[in-house]
Amino acid sequence: ISQIAKALEAVHAHDIVHRDLKPQNIMFRQNGRPVIVDFGLAKDLESNTRLTRQGEVMATPRYMSPEQCMGSAADARSDLYSLGVIFYEMLTGLRLWGDAGPADLVYMHIHEAIPRLPERLAGYQPIIDRLLAKQPGDRFQSARELFATIAV
């Protein structure tokens, strides 16, 4: 997860938000280093161009941040929320909110409490809590901050 955070940091350093981070968009080089791919929904934060209309929802519901679910603007913290969903899956081997359908997932991202990790993984709960915080201001504010917290 720390290497994916570093890759996100590089993307965000160019004022780009991926907006559709999910396991299928993380590939691995032969040396094991992750590479983030598929920037089809990415947004240049410095651009005034609007590729989507206000209130329009785009991305993969399973990994969308609450603000994306509500059709609001996404920023780097939205990508960190998506990374939190991925991290939850990496830790538990389970999908966040099981087999819920797209509409239910949107509701859950906005309203459901952050799930508790099994006792054996409880040490990671503070990181999951910050990554999956409903309000962007309660999340890690940058991939660099996340990396600094988890780097070993």
N, C-alpha and C. Protein backbone atom coordinates (compact mmCIF):
# COMPACT_ATOMS: atom_id res chain seq x y z
N ILE A 1 0.84 -1.19 0.00
CA ILE A 1 0.00 0.00 0.00
C ILE A 1 0.88 1.24 0.00
N SER A 2 2.04 1.16 0.65
CA SER A 2 2.92 2.33 0.67
C SER A 2 3.44 2.64 -0.74
N GLN A 3 3.71 1.62 -1.53
CA GLN A 3 4.17 1.85 -2.90
C GLN A 3 3.07 2.44 -3.78
N ILE A 4 1.84 2.02 -3.56
CA ILE A 4 0.72 2.60 -4.31
C ILE A 4 0.52 4.05 -3.88
N ALA A 5 0.71 4.33 -2.60
CA ALA A 5 0.63 5.72 -2.12
C ALA A 5 1.70 6.58 -2.79
N LYS A 6 2.90 6.05 -2.94
CA LYS A 6 3.96 6.80 -3.64
C LYS A 6 3.59 7.05 -5.10
N ALA A 7 3.00 6.06 -5.75
CA ALA A 7 2.57 6.24 -7.14
C ALA A 7 1.48 7.31 -7.22
N LEU A 8 0.55 7.29 -6.28
CA LEU A 8 -0.50 8.33 -6.24
C LEU A 8 0.10 9.70 -5.98
N GLU A 9 1.10 9.74 -5.11
CA GLU A 9 1.77 11.01 -4.83
C GLU A 9 2.34 11.61 -6.12
N ALA A 10 2.94 10.77 -6.96
CA ALA A 10 3.50 11.25 -8.23
C ALA A 10 2.41 11.78 -9.15
N VAL A 11 1.28 11.10 -9.19
CA VAL A 11 0.15 11.55 -10.02
C VAL A 11 -0.38 12.88 -9.50
N HIS A 12 -0.61 12.94 -8.20
CA HIS A 12 -1.16 14.16 -7.59
C HIS A 12 -0.20 15.34 -7.68
N ALA A 13 1.11 15.08 -7.71
CA ALA A 13 2.10 16.15 -7.83
C ALA A 13 1.93 16.91 -9.15
N HIS A 14 1.30 16.27 -10.12
CA HIS A 14 1.03 16.92 -11.41
C HIS A 14 -0.39 17.47 -11.46
N ASP A 15 -1.01 17.61 -10.28
CA ASP A 15 -2.38 18.14 -10.15
C ASP A 15 -3.39 17.32 -10.94
N ILE A 16 -3.19 16.02 -10.94
CA ILE A 16 -4.12 15.10 -11.61
C ILE A 16 -4.77 14.21 -10.56
N VAL A 17 -6.08 14.08 -10.66
CA VAL A 17 -6.84 13.16 -9.81
C VAL A 17 -7.31 12.03 -10.70
N HIS A 18 -7.06 10.80 -10.31
CA HIS A 18 -7.40 9.64 -11.13
C HIS A 18 -8.91 9.48 -11.28
N ARG A 19 -9.65 9.54 -10.20
CA ARG A 19 -11.11 9.45 -10.10
C ARG A 19 -11.71 8.08 -10.38
N ASP A 20 -10.89 7.06 -10.66
CA ASP A 20 -11.41 5.71 -10.84
C ASP A 20 -10.38 4.68 -10.40
N LEU A 21 -9.75 4.95 -9.25
CA LEU A 21 -8.75 4.03 -8.73
C LEU A 21 -9.45 2.77 -8.23
N LYS A 22 -8.99 1.63 -8.72
CA LYS A 22 -9.53 0.33 -8.35
C LYS A 22 -8.45 -0.71 -8.64
N PRO A 23 -8.58 -1.92 -8.10
CA PRO A 23 -7.53 -2.91 -8.31
C PRO A 23 -7.19 -3.15 -9.78
N GLN A 24 -8.18 -3.11 -10.65
CA GLN A 24 -7.94 -3.34 -12.07
C GLN A 24 -7.07 -2.25 -12.70
N ASN A 25 -6.97 -1.10 -12.02
CA ASN A 25 -6.16 0.00 -12.55
C ASN A 25 -4.81 0.12 -11.85
N ILE A 26 -4.42 -0.93 -11.17
CA ILE A 26 -3.09 -1.00 -10.57
C ILE A 26 -2.40 -2.23 -11.14
N MET A 27 -1.38 -1.97 -11.91
CA MET A 27 -0.61 -3.06 -12.53
C MET A 27 0.74 -3.12 -11.82
N PHE A 28 1.47 -4.21 -12.05
CA PHE A 28 2.76 -4.36 -11.39
C PHE A 28 3.83 -4.65 -12.44
N ARG A 29 4.93 -3.93 -12.32
CA ARG A 29 6.10 -4.16 -13.19
C ARG A 29 6.75 -5.49 -12.80
N GLN A 30 7.67 -5.95 -13.61
CA GLN A 30 8.36 -7.20 -13.30
C GLN A 30 9.09 -7.15 -11.97
N ASN A 31 9.55 -5.95 -11.56
CA ASN A 31 10.25 -5.81 -10.28
C ASN A 31 9.29 -5.69 -9.10
N GLY A 32 7.97 -5.79 -9.36
CA GLY A 32 6.97 -5.73 -8.29
C GLY A 32 6.45 -4.35 -7.98
N ARG A 33 6.99 -3.32 -8.60
CA ARG A 33 6.54 -1.95 -8.36
C ARG A 33 5.17 -1.72 -9.00
N PRO A 34 4.25 -1.09 -8.26
CA PRO A 34 2.93 -0.81 -8.84
C PRO A 34 2.97 0.38 -9.80
N VAL A 35 2.09 0.30 -10.78
CA VAL A 35 1.90 1.37 -11.75
C VAL A 35 0.41 1.61 -11.85
N ILE A 36 0.01 2.86 -11.74
CA ILE A 36 -1.41 3.20 -11.86
C ILE A 36 -1.69 3.44 -13.34
N VAL A 37 -2.75 2.80 -13.85
CA VAL A 37 -3.09 2.89 -15.28
C VAL A 37 -4.53 3.35 -15.45
N ASP A 38 -4.92 3.54 -16.69
CA ASP A 38 -6.28 3.91 -17.10
C ASP A 38 -6.71 5.25 -16.51
N PHE A 39 -6.24 6.29 -17.14
CA PHE A 39 -6.56 7.65 -16.71
C PHE A 39 -7.72 8.23 -17.52
N GLY A 40 -8.63 7.36 -17.96
CA GLY A 40 -9.76 7.79 -18.78
C GLY A 40 -10.70 8.75 -18.08
N LEU A 41 -10.80 8.68 -16.76
CA LEU A 41 -11.66 9.60 -16.00
C LEU A 41 -10.86 10.63 -15.21
N ALA A 42 -9.54 10.66 -15.43
CA ALA A 42 -8.69 11.56 -14.66
C ALA A 42 -9.05 13.02 -14.94
N LYS A 43 -8.77 13.85 -13.95
CA LYS A 43 -9.08 15.27 -14.03
C LYS A 43 -7.83 16.06 -13.70
N ASP A 44 -7.50 17.02 -14.57
CA ASP A 44 -6.42 17.96 -14.32
C ASP A 44 -7.00 19.07 -13.46
N LEU A 45 -6.54 19.18 -12.22
CA LEU A 45 -7.11 20.15 -11.28
C LEU A 45 -6.85 21.59 -11.69
N GLU A 46 -5.84 21.81 -12.54
CA GLU A 46 -5.54 23.18 -12.97
C GLU A 46 -6.36 23.59 -14.19
N SER A 47 -7.03 22.64 -14.80
CA SER A 47 -7.81 22.92 -16.00
C SER A 47 -9.20 23.40 -15.62
N ASN A 48 -9.71 24.33 -16.38
CA ASN A 48 -11.08 24.80 -16.18
C ASN A 48 -12.06 23.99 -17.01
N THR A 49 -11.55 23.06 -17.79
CA THR A 49 -12.40 22.24 -18.64
C THR A 49 -13.23 21.30 -17.79
N ARG A 50 -14.50 21.19 -18.14
CA ARG A 50 -15.40 20.26 -17.43
C ARG A 50 -15.76 19.14 -18.37
N LEU A 51 -15.30 17.96 -18.06
CA LEU A 51 -15.62 16.79 -18.89
C LEU A 51 -16.92 16.15 -18.45
N THR A 52 -17.33 16.47 -17.22
CA THR A 52 -18.58 15.95 -16.71
C THR A 52 -19.42 17.13 -16.22
N ARG A 53 -20.72 16.94 -16.20
CA ARG A 53 -21.62 17.98 -15.71
C ARG A 53 -21.71 17.92 -14.19
N GLN A 54 -22.02 19.06 -13.57
CA GLN A 54 -22.22 19.10 -12.12
C GLN A 54 -23.29 18.08 -11.74
N GLY A 55 -23.01 17.28 -10.74
CA GLY A 55 -23.97 16.28 -10.28
C GLY A 55 -23.90 14.96 -11.03
N GLU A 56 -23.07 14.88 -12.06
CA GLU A 56 -22.95 13.64 -12.82
C GLU A 56 -22.01 12.69 -12.07
N VAL A 57 -22.40 11.44 -11.97
CA VAL A 57 -21.61 10.45 -11.25
C VAL A 57 -20.90 9.55 -12.25
N MET A 58 -19.57 9.51 -12.12
CA MET A 58 -18.76 8.64 -12.98
C MET A 58 -17.72 7.95 -12.11
N ALA A 59 -17.40 6.75 -12.43
CA ALA A 59 -16.39 5.92 -11.76
C ALA A 59 -17.03 4.58 -11.43
N THR A 60 -16.29 3.75 -10.74
CA THR A 60 -16.75 2.42 -10.37
C THR A 60 -17.36 2.51 -8.97
N PRO A 61 -18.66 2.28 -8.82
CA PRO A 61 -19.32 2.48 -7.52
C PRO A 61 -18.64 1.81 -6.33
N ARG A 62 -18.06 0.64 -6.52
CA ARG A 62 -17.44 -0.07 -5.39
C ARG A 62 -16.30 0.74 -4.78
N TYR A 63 -15.65 1.61 -5.56
CA TYR A 63 -14.46 2.32 -5.10
C TYR A 63 -14.63 3.83 -5.04
N MET A 64 -15.83 4.32 -5.27
CA MET A 64 -16.07 5.76 -5.30
C MET A 64 -16.09 6.37 -3.91
N SER A 65 -15.58 7.59 -3.81
CA SER A 65 -15.63 8.34 -2.56
C SER A 65 -17.05 8.88 -2.35
N PRO A 66 -17.39 9.20 -1.11
CA PRO A 66 -18.72 9.77 -0.87
C PRO A 66 -19.01 11.01 -1.72
N GLU A 67 -18.02 11.88 -1.89
CA GLU A 67 -18.25 13.08 -2.69
C GLU A 67 -18.49 12.74 -4.16
N GLN A 68 -17.83 11.73 -4.67
CA GLN A 68 -18.10 11.30 -6.04
C GLN A 68 -19.50 10.71 -6.14
N CYS A 69 -19.91 9.96 -5.12
CA CYS A 69 -21.24 9.37 -5.11
C CYS A 69 -22.33 10.44 -5.15
N MET A 70 -22.03 11.59 -4.59
CA MET A 70 -23.00 12.68 -4.57
C MET A 70 -22.86 13.61 -5.76
N GLY A 71 -21.94 13.29 -6.69
CA GLY A 71 -21.76 14.10 -7.88
C GLY A 71 -20.98 15.37 -7.64
N SER A 72 -20.26 15.44 -6.52
CA SER A 72 -19.45 16.62 -6.20
C SER A 72 -18.05 16.46 -6.78
N ALA A 73 -17.29 17.54 -6.74
CA ALA A 73 -15.93 17.53 -7.28
C ALA A 73 -15.04 16.57 -6.50
N ALA A 74 -14.18 15.88 -7.21
CA ALA A 74 -13.20 14.98 -6.61
C ALA A 74 -11.85 15.67 -6.55
N ASP A 75 -11.08 15.35 -5.52
CA ASP A 75 -9.71 15.83 -5.45
C ASP A 75 -8.83 14.66 -5.00
N ALA A 76 -7.59 14.94 -4.66
CA ALA A 76 -6.66 13.87 -4.29
C ALA A 76 -7.19 13.02 -3.14
N ARG A 77 -7.94 13.63 -2.24
CA ARG A 77 -8.49 12.88 -1.10
C ARG A 77 -9.53 11.86 -1.55
N SER A 78 -10.16 12.11 -2.70
CA SER A 78 -11.09 11.13 -3.27
C SER A 78 -10.34 9.87 -3.69
N ASP A 79 -9.18 10.07 -4.32
CA ASP A 79 -8.35 8.93 -4.69
C ASP A 79 -7.89 8.17 -3.45
N LEU A 80 -7.62 8.89 -2.37
CA LEU A 80 -7.20 8.23 -1.13
C LEU A 80 -8.32 7.41 -0.53
N TYR A 81 -9.56 7.88 -0.65
CA TYR A 81 -10.70 7.08 -0.20
C TYR A 81 -10.74 5.77 -0.99
N SER A 82 -10.61 5.87 -2.31
CA SER A 82 -10.61 4.67 -3.15
C SER A 82 -9.49 3.73 -2.75
N LEU A 83 -8.33 4.29 -2.45
CA LEU A 83 -7.21 3.47 -1.99
C LEU A 83 -7.55 2.81 -0.66
N GLY A 84 -8.33 3.48 0.18
CA GLY A 84 -8.78 2.88 1.44
C GLY A 84 -9.65 1.66 1.21
N VAL A 85 -10.52 1.73 0.21
CA VAL A 85 -11.35 0.56 -0.11
C VAL A 85 -10.46 -0.59 -0.57
N ILE A 86 -9.49 -0.27 -1.40
CA ILE A 86 -8.55 -1.29 -1.88
C ILE A 86 -7.76 -1.87 -0.71
N PHE A 87 -7.30 -1.01 0.18
CA PHE A 87 -6.52 -1.46 1.35
C PHE A 87 -7.36 -2.38 2.22
N TYR A 88 -8.62 -2.04 2.44
CA TYR A 88 -9.53 -2.90 3.21
C TYR A 88 -9.58 -4.28 2.56
N GLU A 89 -9.73 -4.32 1.24
CA GLU A 89 -9.79 -5.60 0.53
C GLU A 89 -8.48 -6.37 0.64
N MET A 90 -7.36 -5.64 0.56
CA MET A 90 -6.05 -6.29 0.67
C MET A 90 -5.88 -6.94 2.04
N LEU A 91 -6.31 -6.23 3.07
CA LEU A 91 -6.14 -6.73 4.43
C LEU A 91 -7.05 -7.91 4.74
N THR A 92 -8.31 -7.80 4.34
CA THR A 92 -9.31 -8.79 4.76
C THR A 92 -9.55 -9.90 3.74
N GLY A 93 -9.24 -9.62 2.48
CA GLY A 93 -9.59 -10.57 1.42
C GLY A 93 -11.06 -10.52 1.07
N LEU A 94 -11.78 -9.55 1.62
CA LEU A 94 -13.22 -9.40 1.40
C LEU A 94 -13.51 -8.06 0.71
N ARG A 95 -14.59 -8.03 -0.04
CA ARG A 95 -15.02 -6.77 -0.66
C ARG A 95 -15.76 -5.93 0.37
N LEU A 96 -15.45 -4.65 0.40
CA LEU A 96 -16.15 -3.74 1.29
C LEU A 96 -17.62 -3.79 0.96
N TRP A 97 -18.45 -4.08 1.93
CA TRP A 97 -19.89 -4.20 1.80
C TRP A 97 -20.31 -5.33 0.86
N GLY A 98 -19.51 -6.39 0.83
CA GLY A 98 -19.90 -7.63 0.16
C GLY A 98 -20.34 -7.49 -1.27
N ASP A 99 -21.47 -8.10 -1.58
CA ASP A 99 -21.96 -8.13 -2.95
C ASP A 99 -23.05 -7.10 -3.22
N ALA A 100 -23.06 -6.03 -2.45
CA ALA A 100 -24.07 -4.97 -2.66
C ALA A 100 -24.00 -4.47 -4.10
N GLY A 101 -25.15 -4.11 -4.64
CA GLY A 101 -25.22 -3.58 -6.00
C GLY A 101 -24.83 -2.12 -6.05
N PRO A 102 -24.72 -1.55 -7.26
CA PRO A 102 -24.25 -0.17 -7.41
C PRO A 102 -25.03 0.87 -6.61
N ALA A 103 -26.34 0.82 -6.63
CA ALA A 103 -27.13 1.82 -5.89
C ALA A 103 -26.89 1.68 -4.39
N ASP A 104 -26.85 0.45 -3.89
CA ASP A 104 -26.60 0.24 -2.47
C ASP A 104 -25.19 0.69 -2.08
N LEU A 105 -24.22 0.44 -2.96
CA LEU A 105 -22.85 0.87 -2.68
C LEU A 105 -22.76 2.39 -2.57
N VAL A 106 -23.42 3.09 -3.47
CA VAL A 106 -23.42 4.56 -3.41
C VAL A 106 -23.97 5.01 -2.07
N TYR A 107 -25.09 4.43 -1.65
CA TYR A 107 -25.69 4.78 -0.37
C TYR A 107 -24.72 4.48 0.78
N MET A 108 -24.10 3.31 0.74
CA MET A 108 -23.21 2.90 1.83
C MET A 108 -21.97 3.79 1.92
N HIS A 109 -21.40 4.17 0.78
CA HIS A 109 -20.24 5.05 0.82
C HIS A 109 -20.59 6.37 1.51
N ILE A 110 -21.79 6.82 1.33
CA ILE A 110 -22.22 8.10 1.90
C ILE A 110 -22.65 7.95 3.37
N HIS A 111 -23.35 6.87 3.70
CA HIS A 111 -24.03 6.79 5.00
C HIS A 111 -23.53 5.72 5.98
N GLU A 112 -23.03 4.61 5.49
CA GLU A 112 -22.68 3.50 6.38
C GLU A 112 -21.43 3.80 7.20
N ALA A 113 -21.40 3.29 8.40
CA ALA A 113 -20.23 3.43 9.27
C ALA A 113 -19.05 2.67 8.65
N ILE A 114 -17.87 3.15 8.94
CA ILE A 114 -16.66 2.48 8.47
C ILE A 114 -16.59 1.11 9.15
N PRO A 115 -16.42 0.05 8.36
CA PRO A 115 -16.40 -1.28 8.97
C PRO A 115 -15.19 -1.49 9.87
N ARG A 116 -15.38 -2.31 10.87
CA ARG A 116 -14.29 -2.66 11.79
C ARG A 116 -13.53 -3.84 11.21
N LEU A 117 -12.24 -3.77 11.32
CA LEU A 117 -11.39 -4.88 10.87
C LEU A 117 -11.44 -6.00 11.91
N PRO A 118 -11.16 -7.22 11.48
CA PRO A 118 -11.06 -8.32 12.44
C PRO A 118 -9.98 -8.00 13.49
N GLU A 119 -10.12 -8.58 14.66
CA GLU A 119 -9.21 -8.29 15.77
C GLU A 119 -7.75 -8.43 15.39
N ARG A 120 -7.41 -9.44 14.61
CA ARG A 120 -6.01 -9.66 14.24
C ARG A 120 -5.44 -8.53 13.38
N LEU A 121 -6.32 -7.72 12.79
CA LEU A 121 -5.89 -6.60 11.94
C LEU A 121 -6.19 -5.25 12.57
N ALA A 122 -6.58 -5.25 13.84
CA ALA A 122 -7.02 -4.02 14.50
C ALA A 122 -5.98 -2.90 14.48
N GLY A 123 -4.72 -3.24 14.40
CA GLY A 123 -3.67 -2.21 14.35
C GLY A 123 -3.78 -1.33 13.12
N TYR A 124 -4.44 -1.82 12.08
CA TYR A 124 -4.61 -1.04 10.84
C TYR A 124 -5.88 -0.17 10.86
N GLN A 125 -6.72 -0.34 11.89
CA GLN A 125 -8.00 0.38 11.92
C GLN A 125 -7.84 1.89 11.84
N PRO A 126 -6.87 2.50 12.54
CA PRO A 126 -6.74 3.96 12.42
C PRO A 126 -6.45 4.43 10.99
N ILE A 127 -5.71 3.64 10.24
CA ILE A 127 -5.42 4.01 8.84
C ILE A 127 -6.68 3.85 8.00
N ILE A 128 -7.39 2.75 8.17
CA ILE A 128 -8.65 2.54 7.46
C ILE A 128 -9.64 3.64 7.81
N ASP A 129 -9.72 4.00 9.09
CA ASP A 129 -10.66 5.05 9.51
C ASP A 129 -10.37 6.37 8.81
N ARG A 130 -9.11 6.72 8.69
CA ARG A 130 -8.76 7.98 8.02
C ARG A 130 -8.96 7.90 6.52
N LEU A 131 -8.61 6.79 5.92
CA LEU A 131 -8.77 6.66 4.47
C LEU A 131 -10.25 6.66 4.08
N LEU A 132 -11.09 6.02 4.89
CA LEU A 132 -12.50 5.88 4.56
C LEU A 132 -13.39 6.90 5.27
N ALA A 133 -12.81 7.95 5.80
CA ALA A 133 -13.62 8.99 6.45
C ALA A 133 -14.60 9.57 5.43
N LYS A 134 -15.81 9.82 5.87
CA LYS A 134 -16.85 10.33 4.98
C LYS A 134 -16.54 11.74 4.49
N GLN A 135 -15.95 12.56 5.34
CA GLN A 135 -15.61 13.93 4.98
C GLN A 135 -14.16 14.00 4.52
N PRO A 136 -13.90 14.58 3.35
CA PRO A 136 -12.51 14.67 2.87
C PRO A 136 -11.56 15.32 3.87
N GLY A 137 -12.04 16.28 4.64
CA GLY A 137 -11.18 16.94 5.62
C GLY A 137 -10.73 16.04 6.75
N ASP A 138 -11.40 14.91 6.94
CA ASP A 138 -11.04 13.96 7.99
C ASP A 138 -10.09 12.87 7.49
N ARG A 139 -9.84 12.85 6.20
CA ARG A 139 -8.94 11.85 5.61
C ARG A 139 -7.50 12.35 5.65
N PHE A 140 -6.59 11.47 5.25
CA PHE A 140 -5.24 11.94 4.97
C PHE A 140 -5.39 13.02 3.91
N GLN A 141 -4.63 14.08 4.03
CA GLN A 141 -4.78 15.20 3.11
C GLN A 141 -3.96 15.04 1.85
N SER A 142 -3.07 14.07 1.85
CA SER A 142 -2.25 13.81 0.66
C SER A 142 -1.71 12.39 0.73
N ALA A 143 -1.33 11.89 -0.43
CA ALA A 143 -0.69 10.56 -0.49
C ALA A 143 0.64 10.60 0.27
N ARG A 144 1.29 11.75 0.25
CA ARG A 144 2.56 11.90 0.99
C ARG A 144 2.32 11.72 2.49
N GLU A 145 1.23 12.31 3.00
CA GLU A 145 0.91 12.16 4.43
C GLU A 145 0.61 10.70 4.76
N LEU A 146 -0.12 10.02 3.89
CA LEU A 146 -0.39 8.59 4.09
C LEU A 146 0.91 7.82 4.09
N PHE A 147 1.76 8.05 3.12
CA PHE A 147 3.03 7.34 3.02
C PHE A 147 3.88 7.57 4.28
N ALA A 148 3.92 8.79 4.76
CA ALA A 148 4.72 9.10 5.96
C ALA A 148 4.18 8.35 7.18
N THR A 149 2.87 8.08 7.19
CA THR A 149 2.26 7.38 8.31
C THR A 149 2.55 5.88 8.27
N ILE A 150 2.57 5.31 7.07
CA ILE A 150 2.69 3.86 6.96
C ILE A 150 4.07 3.36 6.56
N ALA A 151 4.96 4.25 6.13
CA ALA A 151 6.27 3.81 5.66
C ALA A 151 7.03 3.12 6.79
N VAL A 152 7.66 2.03 6.44
CA VAL A 152 8.41 1.27 7.42
C VAL A 152 9.89 1.42 7.14
